[in-house]
Amino acid sequence: MISKQFMRFILIGILNTAFGYSLYALLIFLGLRYDLAILIATVLGVLFNFKTTGALVFNNRQNNLILRYFGTYSIIYLLNVLLVWLMLKSNINSYLAQAFVMPVLVVLSYAMQRDFVFRVR
C-alpha cells in the first residue's frame, strides 16, 4: 500500500518539476544561454525542492539538512546518468531509457530523503 507521505512526495515532486522547468523557460525567454539557464534553474530548483519537500512531505523545516539533501540529490543524479547510459548501450533510445529509470529513482529518492535527510530521530 502506498503511504500518504509517499503520495505527498509525488505531488510535491510535480510542483517542484513545474517550478524548475518554468524557471528554466523564463531564463531562456529572457535571453540567457541554455547552459546558464540550466545551472541557475538547477541551483534554485534544488533549494526550492529542499524547502517544499522538507516542509510539506516530511514536516521538517531544519535548514541545516541542506548538505544531506544535496548529497542525496547528487547520488540520484549520478545513478540516473549511469542507468540511462547502460540502457543506451543496450540500444534503448534515450526517451524510453529515462522513462524506465524514473520510477526507480523516485522510489530511491523518497527512501533516501526519508531515511537519511529528513529522518525522525
Protein backbone atom coordinates (compact mmCIF):
# COMPACT_ATOMS: atom_id res chain seq x y z
CA MET A 1 0.00 0.00 0.00
CA ILE A 2 1.24 3.50 -0.84
CA SER A 3 1.64 5.76 2.18
CA LYS A 4 0.16 9.25 2.38
CA GLN A 5 3.68 10.60 2.80
CA PHE A 6 4.81 8.98 -0.47
CA MET A 7 1.78 10.41 -2.26
CA ARG A 8 2.67 13.87 -0.92
CA PHE A 9 6.22 13.24 -2.18
CA ILE A 10 4.85 12.55 -5.69
CA LEU A 11 2.57 15.61 -5.65
CA ILE A 12 5.31 17.91 -4.35
CA GLY A 13 7.63 16.41 -6.97
CA ILE A 14 5.20 17.57 -9.65
CA LEU A 15 5.19 21.06 -8.12
CA ASN A 16 8.99 21.07 -7.91
CA THR A 17 9.32 19.97 -11.53
CA ALA A 18 6.92 22.70 -12.66
CA PHE A 19 8.92 25.28 -10.70
CA GLY A 20 12.28 24.19 -12.12
CA TYR A 21 11.08 23.95 -15.70
CA SER A 22 9.22 27.26 -15.50
CA LEU A 23 12.32 28.97 -14.18
CA TYR A 24 14.42 27.42 -16.96
CA ALA A 25 11.88 28.51 -19.60
CA LEU A 26 11.74 32.04 -18.18
CA LEU A 27 15.53 32.37 -18.24
CA ILE A 28 15.65 31.15 -21.86
CA PHE A 29 12.88 33.61 -22.75
CA LEU A 30 14.93 36.41 -21.13
CA GLY A 31 17.83 35.53 -23.42
CA LEU A 32 20.15 33.50 -21.22
CA ARG A 33 22.23 30.78 -22.81
CA TYR A 34 20.85 27.30 -22.15
CA ASP A 35 23.83 26.22 -20.03
CA LEU A 36 23.47 29.20 -17.69
CA ALA A 37 19.70 28.75 -17.59
CA ILE A 38 20.15 25.10 -16.61
CA LEU A 39 22.69 26.00 -13.91
CA ILE A 40 20.55 28.73 -12.35
CA ALA A 41 17.32 26.71 -12.62
CA THR A 42 19.02 23.66 -11.08
CA VAL A 43 20.52 25.53 -8.12
CA LEU A 44 17.35 27.48 -7.37
CA GLY A 45 15.25 24.39 -8.07
CA VAL A 46 17.18 22.28 -5.57
CA LEU A 47 16.80 24.99 -2.92
CA PHE A 48 13.06 25.25 -3.65
CA ASN A 49 12.74 21.44 -3.62
CA PHE A 50 14.55 21.24 -0.29
CA LYS A 51 12.11 23.62 1.34
CA THR A 52 8.94 22.15 -0.17
CA THR A 53 9.94 18.52 0.32
CA GLY A 54 11.12 19.10 3.86
CA ALA A 55 8.12 21.13 4.97
CA LEU A 56 5.26 19.59 3.01
CA VAL A 57 6.31 15.94 2.76
CA PHE A 58 8.39 15.27 5.86
CA ASN A 59 7.14 18.08 8.14
CA ASN A 60 10.73 19.18 8.74
CA ARG A 61 11.96 22.75 8.37
CA GLN A 62 15.56 22.32 9.56
CA ASN A 63 17.81 24.26 7.19
CA ASN A 64 20.93 22.52 8.49
CA LEU A 65 19.93 19.41 6.50
CA ILE A 66 20.69 21.07 3.16
CA LEU A 67 24.06 19.33 2.72
CA ARG A 68 22.47 15.91 3.21
CA TYR A 69 19.82 16.89 0.69
CA PHE A 70 22.45 17.94 -1.86
CA GLY A 71 24.28 14.67 -1.18
CA THR A 72 21.24 12.53 -1.93
CA TYR A 73 20.40 14.67 -4.94
CA SER A 74 23.95 14.11 -6.25
CA ILE A 75 23.70 10.34 -5.80
CA ILE A 76 20.36 10.24 -7.61
CA TYR A 77 21.80 12.32 -10.45
CA LEU A 78 24.84 10.06 -10.86
CA LEU A 79 22.72 6.92 -10.72
CA ASN A 80 20.37 8.43 -13.29
CA VAL A 81 23.23 9.10 -15.70
CA LEU A 82 24.68 5.61 -15.16
CA LEU A 83 21.39 3.77 -15.67
CA VAL A 84 20.48 5.75 -18.77
CA TRP A 85 23.97 5.18 -20.17
CA LEU A 86 23.62 1.43 -19.61
CA MET A 87 20.27 1.41 -21.39
CA LEU A 88 21.67 3.42 -24.28
CA LYS A 89 24.42 0.80 -24.60
CA SER A 90 21.61 -1.78 -24.92
CA ASN A 91 20.15 0.18 -27.86
CA ILE A 92 17.21 1.59 -25.90
CA ASN A 93 16.54 5.15 -27.05
CA SER A 94 17.14 7.99 -24.61
CA TYR A 95 13.44 8.84 -24.19
CA LEU A 96 12.50 5.32 -23.17
CA ALA A 97 15.64 4.90 -21.08
CA GLN A 98 14.77 7.91 -18.93
CA ALA A 99 11.15 6.79 -18.70
CA PHE A 100 12.23 3.34 -17.45
CA VAL A 101 14.69 4.80 -14.93
CA MET A 102 12.43 7.47 -13.43
CA PRO A 103 10.19 5.23 -11.29
CA VAL A 104 13.23 3.56 -9.72
CA LEU A 105 14.82 6.93 -8.99
CA VAL A 106 11.62 8.36 -7.49
CA VAL A 107 11.32 5.48 -5.03
CA LEU A 108 15.03 5.57 -4.19
CA SER A 109 14.96 9.36 -3.78
CA TYR A 110 12.00 9.12 -1.43
CA ALA A 111 13.69 6.42 0.67
CA MET A 112 16.97 8.35 0.88
CA GLN A 113 15.26 11.57 1.88
CA ARG A 114 13.00 9.80 4.38
CA ASP A 115 15.79 7.75 5.96
CA PHE A 116 18.85 9.99 5.60
CA VAL A 117 17.86 13.62 5.14
CA PHE A 118 14.58 14.18 6.97
CA ARG A 119 14.51 11.17 9.26
CA VAL A 120 12.78 11.48 12.60
CA ARG A 121 15.14 10.71 15.44
